[in-house]
């Protein structure tokens, strides 16, 4: 027998308490299905308020927290800033979001908080018979407007989605319905998009087995924890690195040796296997950055006209990947430090805790530092935040100078800047 439908693991076995026809049960199922399909059940945190959804933490198979009436966005903001790697969402109705909590949702959207809000816009307060809400439509009857809402007397309804969409901090807003099978499918897609961050999904710790040309798409066959999986895509990009451009140099004629990867074989002074011949830049097989090539020149120049003390083994090279937000790193990560026998302490800071990140409306990311617990020296730093490409140079300078991490902890920085986050990062 073929299974065509089964209960989502995103919901518990508890029976819901909702009134017939309110659609909460349908939307609960859609949220649960999406979280399960995206693999977010273990990291998702539901924030539910006083109101119809007050018992939702018993229904969603996720971690959950209950907020005061109207305060779900504020509570979710706090949860997300403390747990930036978790998926945090609120589930709210008309009385909570569009009445007592209007200011909260407006300011959360204006700040660009990285939370997802599911708003059940039934147009009434879910009390006996239903009472008029700020969202009640003209002509829509309720116990407190039995002839239907009259804009001349009761005012016009607040169109929450349309209002929030005018705020620059809002990333994705869509109004959908669940009153027909077609609309349910559309609503499910909207919920999934709301939980996605920039449309990027990562599969970690996998082994690629095969890439298949399936005509209209490329299919990647891979294994994760022993399970065979596939992923379809319009195109597949493979990062294979770059080959040193040594072909055509006729190195063999000069007796200059090459590495198995085709780079010129050099020592820490960038000397080749032939006296008085040096190699620098991309052909030397090191990091292929312009600034590394510049330092290669300094090493060679120092041997020709200086003291001859400079060496590639003495330098700590930072790098930045210009994604959004940028990622920058220098030195060892936690695993590398432990493998080298260091006794370490780890410092972490969510980017959302940095005032300038909020000013820039870029409160996404995490800052992490690895410190030698025995000497207080900085072993490495990873910065995944806006302007990390500037901040990493400060850390690199402190490492080169052999400074204790406490120097950055106690340094006076201008405000508001991203650099001042180093005070808080190193406050361990």
Protein backbone atom coordinates (compact mmCIF):
# COMPACT_ATOMS: atom_id res chain seq x y z
CA UNK A 1 0.00 0.00 0.00
CA UNK A 2 1.33 3.44 -0.95
CA UNK A 3 1.29 6.13 1.74
CA UNK A 4 -0.03 9.38 0.29
CA UNK A 5 -0.41 11.33 3.53
CA UNK A 6 0.82 11.02 7.08
CA UNK A 7 0.80 13.12 10.20
CA UNK A 8 3.74 15.48 10.40
CA UNK A 9 6.32 15.02 13.13
CA UNK A 10 6.18 18.79 13.50
CA UNK A 11 3.07 18.44 15.67
CA UNK A 12 2.52 16.51 18.89
CA UNK A 13 -0.29 14.02 19.44
CA UNK A 14 -2.25 16.54 21.52
CA UNK A 15 -5.74 17.48 20.32
CA UNK A 16 -6.19 21.18 19.61
CA UNK A 17 -8.80 23.29 21.41
CA UNK A 18 -9.63 25.68 18.57
CA UNK A 19 -13.12 26.62 17.42
CA UNK A 20 -14.37 24.96 14.19
CA UNK A 21 -13.60 26.96 11.07
CA UNK A 22 -10.90 29.18 12.57
CA UNK A 23 -8.19 27.57 10.35
CA UNK A 24 -5.64 27.37 13.19
CA UNK A 25 -5.48 23.60 12.85
CA UNK A 26 -4.68 23.82 9.13
CA UNK A 27 -1.97 26.42 9.62
CA UNK A 28 -0.49 24.46 12.53
CA UNK A 29 -0.14 21.47 10.22
CA UNK A 30 1.48 23.56 7.49
CA UNK A 31 3.99 25.07 9.92
CA UNK A 32 4.79 21.61 11.33
CA UNK A 33 5.25 20.11 7.87
CA UNK A 34 7.55 22.90 6.73
CA UNK A 35 9.71 22.75 9.86
CA UNK A 36 10.00 18.96 9.52
CA UNK A 37 10.81 19.09 5.80
CA UNK A 38 13.48 21.77 6.33
CA UNK A 39 15.04 19.85 9.22
CA UNK A 40 14.37 22.66 11.69
CA UNK A 41 12.41 20.87 14.42
CA UNK A 42 15.44 20.50 16.70
CA UNK A 43 16.42 24.17 16.44
CA UNK A 44 13.01 25.89 16.13
CA UNK A 45 11.60 27.89 19.04
CA UNK A 46 7.93 28.87 19.00
CA UNK A 47 6.86 32.04 20.82
CA UNK A 48 3.12 32.10 21.51
CA UNK A 49 1.10 34.80 23.27
CA UNK A 50 -2.02 35.06 25.35
CA UNK A 51 -5.00 34.52 23.06
CA UNK A 52 -6.28 31.73 20.85
CA UNK A 53 -2.80 30.25 20.44
CA UNK A 54 -2.04 30.23 24.14
CA UNK A 55 -1.79 26.43 24.10
CA UNK A 56 0.24 26.21 20.87
CA UNK A 57 3.41 25.16 22.69
CA UNK A 58 1.56 21.91 23.44
CA UNK A 59 0.86 21.40 19.74
CA UNK A 60 4.10 22.35 17.98
CA UNK A 61 6.76 19.66 18.40
CA UNK A 62 9.45 22.26 19.06
CA UNK A 63 10.83 24.18 21.98
CA UNK A 64 8.47 26.97 22.98
CA UNK A 65 7.94 29.94 25.22
CA UNK A 66 4.80 31.88 26.13
CA UNK A 67 4.79 35.66 25.93
CA UNK A 68 2.57 38.25 27.54
CA UNK A 69 -0.40 39.49 25.50
CA UNK A 70 0.91 41.39 22.47
CA UNK A 71 4.55 40.91 23.40
CA UNK A 72 5.44 37.91 21.25
CA UNK A 73 7.66 39.90 18.80
CA UNK A 74 9.57 41.47 21.70
CA UNK A 75 10.02 38.09 23.39
CA UNK A 76 11.06 36.48 20.10
CA UNK A 77 13.56 39.28 19.55
CA UNK A 78 15.21 38.52 22.86
CA UNK A 79 15.25 34.77 22.20
CA UNK A 80 16.73 35.22 18.72
CA UNK A 81 19.46 37.58 19.93
CA UNK A 82 20.46 35.15 22.65
CA UNK A 83 20.18 32.14 20.30
CA UNK A 84 21.06 33.55 16.85
CA UNK A 85 21.51 30.09 15.33
CA UNK A 86 17.97 28.98 16.18
CA UNK A 87 14.87 29.45 14.04
CA UNK A 88 12.53 31.61 16.11
CA UNK A 89 8.92 32.22 15.12
CA UNK A 90 5.81 33.78 16.62
CA UNK A 91 2.25 32.54 16.08
CA UNK A 92 -0.31 35.31 16.63
CA UNK A 93 -3.88 36.39 15.96
CA UNK A 94 -5.86 39.60 15.49
CA UNK A 95 -6.30 40.57 19.12
CA UNK A 96 -2.68 39.91 19.98
CA UNK A 97 -0.75 41.18 16.94
CA UNK A 98 -3.12 43.75 15.45
CA UNK A 99 -4.41 45.34 18.65
CA UNK A 100 -2.52 45.25 21.92
CA UNK A 101 0.69 44.20 20.16
CA UNK A 102 0.62 46.55 17.16
CA UNK A 103 3.60 48.60 18.31
CA UNK A 104 5.63 45.45 18.99
CA UNK A 105 5.25 43.98 15.51
CA UNK A 106 5.83 47.34 13.81
CA UNK A 107 9.07 48.00 15.65
CA UNK A 108 10.30 44.41 15.23
CA UNK A 109 9.74 44.71 11.48
CA UNK A 110 11.35 48.16 11.35
CA UNK A 111 14.44 46.84 13.14
CA UNK A 112 14.67 43.92 10.76
CA UNK A 113 14.60 41.31 13.52
CA UNK A 114 15.47 37.86 12.19
CA UNK A 115 12.26 36.20 13.31
CA UNK A 116 9.31 34.72 11.43
CA UNK A 117 5.76 35.70 12.33
CA UNK A 118 2.69 33.65 11.39
CA UNK A 119 -0.32 35.98 11.67
CA UNK A 120 -3.80 34.41 11.65
CA UNK A 121 -5.92 37.28 10.35
CA UNK A 122 -9.51 36.10 10.91
CA UNK A 123 -10.75 39.66 11.28
CA UNK A 124 -12.35 39.21 14.71
CA UNK A 125 -11.45 38.62 18.32
CA UNK A 126 -11.89 34.92 19.04
CA UNK A 127 -14.38 35.38 21.87
CA UNK A 128 -17.96 34.13 22.16
CA UNK A 129 -19.62 35.00 18.87
CA UNK A 130 -16.58 37.02 17.82
CA UNK A 131 -15.99 40.70 18.55
CA UNK A 132 -14.89 43.47 16.21
CA UNK A 133 -11.13 43.82 15.89
CA UNK A 134 -8.95 46.49 14.24
CA UNK A 135 -8.79 44.14 11.25
CA UNK A 136 -12.55 43.48 10.90
CA UNK A 137 -13.53 44.17 7.29
CA UNK A 138 -16.30 46.60 6.25
CA UNK A 139 -19.64 44.81 6.41
CA UNK A 140 -18.19 41.95 8.46
CA UNK A 141 -20.54 41.19 11.34
CA UNK A 142 -19.50 40.57 14.91
CA UNK A 143 -21.20 40.71 18.32
CA UNK A 144 -19.98 44.29 18.80
CA UNK A 145 -20.97 45.40 15.26
CA UNK A 146 -24.03 43.31 14.50
CA UNK A 147 -24.86 45.21 11.34
CA UNK A 148 -21.34 44.83 10.06
CA UNK A 149 -18.40 47.18 10.36
CA UNK A 150 -19.30 50.69 9.21
CA UNK A 151 -16.16 52.69 8.31
CA UNK A 152 -18.00 55.96 8.98
CA UNK A 153 -18.60 54.93 12.58
CA UNK A 154 -15.97 52.29 13.34
CA UNK A 155 -13.17 53.47 11.07
CA UNK A 156 -11.38 51.50 8.37
CA UNK A 157 -9.69 48.20 9.09
CA UNK A 158 -5.92 48.03 9.58
CA UNK A 159 -4.33 46.05 6.77
CA UNK A 160 -1.41 44.73 8.76
CA UNK A 161 0.52 42.92 6.03
CA UNK A 162 0.29 45.86 3.66
CA UNK A 163 1.31 48.29 6.39
CA UNK A 164 4.35 46.24 7.47
CA UNK A 165 5.47 45.79 3.87
CA UNK A 166 6.27 49.52 3.71
CA UNK A 167 9.00 49.11 6.35
CA UNK A 168 12.54 48.64 5.06
CA UNK A 169 13.41 46.12 7.77
CA UNK A 170 10.76 43.62 6.67
CA UNK A 171 12.37 40.86 4.58
CA UNK A 172 9.34 38.90 3.33
CA UNK A 173 5.61 39.45 3.74
CA UNK A 174 2.81 37.65 1.93
CA UNK A 175 -0.92 37.52 2.52
CA UNK A 176 -2.41 34.08 1.85
CA UNK A 177 -5.58 32.15 2.67
CA UNK A 178 -6.40 28.56 3.61
CA UNK A 179 -10.03 28.44 2.47
CA UNK A 180 -9.46 26.05 -0.45
CA UNK A 181 -7.02 23.25 -1.39
CA UNK A 182 -5.32 25.55 -3.90
CA UNK A 183 -4.85 28.29 -1.31
CA UNK A 184 -3.59 25.80 1.27
CA UNK A 185 -0.82 24.75 -1.13
CA UNK A 186 -0.01 28.40 -1.79
CA UNK A 187 0.05 29.14 1.94
CA UNK A 188 2.42 26.23 2.56
CA UNK A 189 4.88 27.64 0.02
CA UNK A 190 4.64 31.06 1.65
CA UNK A 191 5.35 29.60 5.10
CA UNK A 192 8.38 27.74 3.76
CA UNK A 193 9.73 30.88 2.13
CA UNK A 194 9.23 32.79 5.38
CA UNK A 195 11.42 30.28 7.22
CA UNK A 196 14.13 30.33 4.60
CA UNK A 197 16.98 32.82 5.05
CA UNK A 198 18.00 34.25 1.67
CA UNK A 199 16.93 31.01 0.00
CA UNK A 200 20.14 29.18 0.88
CA UNK A 201 20.12 25.67 2.35
CA UNK A 202 23.29 24.02 3.64
CA UNK A 203 23.99 20.28 3.83
CA UNK A 204 26.98 19.69 6.08
CA UNK A 205 29.22 16.62 6.47
CA UNK A 206 28.17 14.88 3.27
CA UNK A 207 30.03 12.73 0.74
CA UNK A 208 29.26 13.47 -2.91
CA UNK A 209 28.93 10.23 -4.88
CA UNK A 210 27.85 11.30 -8.36
CA UNK A 211 26.52 14.21 -10.40
CA UNK A 212 23.95 13.11 -12.95
CA UNK A 213 22.80 15.00 -16.05
CA UNK A 214 19.05 14.42 -15.93
CA UNK A 215 18.25 16.60 -18.94
CA UNK A 216 16.31 19.52 -17.47
CA UNK A 217 18.33 19.50 -14.26
CA UNK A 218 21.50 18.27 -12.61
CA UNK A 219 21.03 15.70 -9.86
CA UNK A 220 23.63 15.41 -7.11
CA UNK A 221 23.82 12.01 -5.42
CA UNK A 222 25.35 12.16 -1.94
CA UNK A 223 25.43 10.38 1.40
CA UNK A 224 24.84 11.85 4.81
CA UNK A 225 25.42 9.69 7.87
CA UNK A 226 25.23 6.63 5.62
CA UNK A 227 21.90 7.54 4.03
CA UNK A 228 21.78 7.96 0.25
CA UNK A 229 20.17 11.26 -0.78
CA UNK A 230 19.71 13.33 -3.93
CA UNK A 231 19.31 17.03 -4.70
CA UNK A 232 18.20 18.54 -8.00
CA UNK A 233 19.47 21.88 -9.29
CA UNK A 234 19.52 24.06 -12.39
CA UNK A 235 23.31 24.12 -12.20
CA UNK A 236 26.08 22.73 -10.01
CA UNK A 237 29.08 24.84 -9.07
CA UNK A 238 32.17 23.00 -7.82
CA UNK A 239 34.95 24.71 -5.87
CA UNK A 240 38.12 22.86 -6.89
CA UNK A 241 40.73 25.51 -6.20
CA UNK A 242 43.19 27.03 -8.65
CA UNK A 243 46.20 25.52 -10.33
CA UNK A 244 49.53 27.40 -10.12
CA UNK A 245 50.22 29.00 -13.49
CA UNK A 246 53.68 27.50 -14.00
CA UNK A 247 53.17 25.94 -17.39
CA UNK A 248 55.32 27.59 -20.03
CA UNK A 249 57.99 28.77 -17.58
CA UNK A 250 60.30 25.91 -18.64
CA UNK A 251 61.36 25.39 -15.02
CA UNK A 252 62.92 22.05 -15.85
CA UNK A 253 65.54 23.74 -18.02
CA UNK A 254 66.69 25.80 -15.03
CA UNK A 255 66.54 22.81 -12.68
CA UNK A 256 63.80 24.39 -10.54
CA UNK A 257 61.75 21.73 -8.76
CA UNK A 258 57.95 21.71 -8.55
CA UNK A 259 55.53 20.33 -5.98
CA UNK A 260 53.14 17.48 -6.83
CA UNK A 261 50.44 20.13 -7.39
CA UNK A 262 52.55 21.97 -9.94
CA UNK A 263 53.70 24.91 -7.82
CA UNK A 264 57.32 26.03 -7.54
CA UNK A 265 58.89 24.31 -4.54
CA UNK A 266 60.15 26.93 -2.07
CA UNK A 267 61.31 27.12 1.54
CA UNK A 268 60.19 29.63 4.19
CA UNK A 269 62.47 32.26 2.62
CA UNK A 270 60.80 31.58 -0.78
CA UNK A 271 64.08 30.18 -2.15
CA UNK A 272 63.74 27.56 -4.87
CA UNK A 273 65.88 24.47 -5.34
CA UNK A 274 68.31 26.58 -7.41
CA UNK A 275 70.50 29.20 -5.65
CA UNK A 276 69.63 32.85 -6.37
CA UNK A 277 66.19 31.98 -7.77
CA UNK A 278 63.14 32.85 -5.68
CA UNK A 279 59.43 32.41 -6.35
CA UNK A 280 56.60 34.50 -5.00
CA UNK A 281 52.86 34.94 -5.47
CA UNK A 282 50.50 32.33 -6.88
CA UNK A 283 53.27 30.19 -8.44
CA UNK A 284 54.80 29.57 -5.01
CA UNK A 285 51.88 27.39 -3.94
CA UNK A 286 50.75 29.49 -0.97
CA UNK A 287 47.52 31.37 -0.34
CA UNK A 288 46.54 33.09 -3.58
CA UNK A 289 45.78 36.54 -2.22
CA UNK A 290 47.16 39.81 -3.56
CA UNK A 291 48.25 40.89 -0.10
CA UNK A 292 50.13 37.61 0.40
CA UNK A 293 51.99 38.23 -2.86
CA UNK A 294 52.92 41.66 -1.55
CA UNK A 295 54.35 40.13 1.60
CA UNK A 296 56.19 37.55 -0.50
CA UNK A 297 57.91 40.50 -2.17
CA UNK A 298 58.89 41.86 1.25
CA UNK A 299 60.47 38.52 2.18
CA UNK A 300 62.54 38.36 -1.00
CA UNK A 301 63.50 42.03 -0.82
CA UNK A 302 64.64 41.55 2.79
CA UNK A 303 67.06 38.86 1.66
CA UNK A 304 68.42 40.98 -1.18
CA UNK A 305 68.72 44.33 0.60
CA UNK A 306 67.81 43.81 4.25
CA UNK A 307 68.58 41.62 7.24
CA UNK A 308 67.22 38.42 5.68
CA UNK A 309 65.14 37.63 8.78
CA UNK A 310 61.66 37.77 7.25
CA UNK A 311 60.05 34.38 6.51
CA UNK A 312 56.67 33.02 5.48
CA UNK A 313 56.61 30.90 8.65
CA UNK A 314 56.50 34.04 10.80
CA UNK A 315 53.32 35.53 9.39
CA UNK A 316 49.69 35.09 10.39
CA UNK A 317 47.47 35.62 7.36
CA UNK A 318 43.89 36.85 7.76
CA UNK A 319 41.29 36.42 5.04
CA UNK A 320 37.77 37.54 4.27
CA UNK A 321 35.00 35.95 2.23
CA UNK A 322 32.75 38.68 0.87
CA UNK A 323 29.40 37.00 1.33
CA UNK A 324 26.44 38.60 3.14
CA UNK A 325 27.33 39.12 5.91
CA UNK A 326 31.10 38.87 5.30
CA UNK A 327 33.10 36.12 6.99
CA UNK A 328 36.65 36.84 8.16
CA UNK A 329 39.16 34.67 9.96
CA UNK A 330 42.68 34.70 11.31
CA UNK A 331 44.61 32.01 13.17
CA UNK A 332 43.36 28.71 14.60
CA UNK A 333 39.81 27.54 15.14
CA UNK A 334 38.77 25.58 18.23
CA UNK A 335 39.43 22.12 16.73
CA UNK A 336 42.85 23.09 15.36
CA UNK A 337 43.91 24.62 18.66
CA UNK A 338 42.85 21.52 20.59
CA UNK A 339 44.71 19.28 18.10
CA UNK A 340 47.88 21.28 18.77
CA UNK A 341 47.56 20.69 22.50
CA UNK A 342 46.37 24.14 23.59
CA UNK A 343 44.18 24.55 26.66
CA UNK A 344 41.65 27.02 25.31
CA UNK A 345 38.75 29.16 26.35
CA UNK A 346 36.14 30.23 23.81
CA UNK A 347 34.51 33.64 23.47
CA UNK A 348 31.30 34.14 21.49
CA UNK A 349 29.11 37.14 20.70
CA UNK A 350 25.98 37.26 18.49
CA UNK A 351 26.11 40.07 15.93
CA UNK A 352 22.63 41.12 17.03
CA UNK A 353 24.17 42.34 20.31
CA UNK A 354 26.29 44.93 18.48
CA UNK A 355 24.63 48.40 18.41
CA UNK A 356 26.20 49.33 15.06
CA UNK A 357 24.88 46.11 13.52
CA UNK A 358 21.40 47.24 14.48
CA UNK A 359 22.05 50.70 13.05
CA UNK A 360 23.17 49.10 9.78
CA UNK A 361 20.15 46.78 9.87
CA UNK A 362 22.58 43.88 9.57
CA UNK A 363 22.13 42.08 12.92
CA UNK A 364 22.98 38.67 11.47
CA UNK A 365 25.99 36.56 12.37
CA UNK A 366 28.29 35.41 15.14
CA UNK A 367 31.73 36.41 16.45
CA UNK A 368 34.03 33.79 17.98
CA UNK A 369 37.52 33.87 19.44
CA UNK A 370 39.90 31.13 20.59
CA UNK A 371 42.17 32.10 23.50
CA UNK A 372 45.09 30.27 25.08
CA UNK A 373 43.85 29.83 28.65
CA UNK A 374 47.41 29.46 29.96
CA UNK A 375 48.93 32.60 28.39
CA UNK A 376 45.88 34.80 27.55
CA UNK A 377 47.16 35.09 23.97
CA UNK A 378 44.69 35.09 21.07
CA UNK A 379 45.05 31.92 18.98
CA UNK A 380 42.39 32.69 16.40
CA UNK A 381 39.25 34.64 15.64
CA UNK A 382 36.29 34.05 13.33
CA UNK A 383 33.98 36.98 12.57
CA UNK A 384 30.75 36.41 10.65
CA UNK A 385 29.23 39.88 10.64
CA UNK A 386 29.02 43.15 8.77
CA UNK A 387 32.40 44.92 8.38
CA UNK A 388 34.27 41.86 9.62
CA UNK A 389 36.82 42.50 6.87
CA UNK A 390 37.92 45.63 8.77
CA UNK A 391 37.64 44.24 12.30
CA UNK A 392 39.80 41.19 11.61
CA UNK A 393 42.84 43.39 10.96
CA UNK A 394 42.66 44.76 14.51
CA UNK A 395 42.72 41.24 15.92
CA UNK A 396 45.56 40.25 13.59
CA UNK A 397 47.63 43.22 14.77
CA UNK A 398 47.07 42.22 18.41
CA UNK A 399 48.15 38.66 17.62
CA UNK A 400 51.30 39.81 15.80
CA UNK A 401 52.20 42.07 18.73
CA UNK A 402 51.74 39.20 21.17
CA UNK A 403 49.17 41.13 23.18
CA UNK A 404 46.88 39.53 25.73
CA UNK A 405 43.23 39.36 24.73
CA UNK A 406 42.51 41.72 27.62
CA UNK A 407 44.01 44.59 25.60
CA UNK A 408 41.12 44.35 23.13
CA UNK A 409 38.68 43.75 25.96
CA UNK A 410 39.69 47.02 27.63
CA UNK A 411 40.46 49.09 24.54
CA UNK A 412 38.55 52.37 24.05
CA UNK A 413 36.78 52.27 20.67
CA UNK A 414 34.65 54.94 19.03
CA UNK A 415 30.87 54.49 19.19
CA UNK A 416 28.87 53.34 17.39
CA UNK A 417 31.23 51.13 15.41
CA UNK A 418 31.51 47.44 14.67
CA UNK A 419 35.01 47.44 16.14
CA UNK A 420 33.73 48.19 19.62
CA UNK A 421 32.17 44.72 19.60
CA UNK A 422 35.66 43.43 20.36
CA UNK A 423 35.21 44.80 23.91
CA UNK A 424 32.26 42.47 24.44
CA UNK A 425 33.64 39.54 22.45
CA UNK A 426 36.74 39.33 24.62
CA UNK A 427 34.91 39.95 27.91
CA UNK A 428 35.58 36.42 29.12
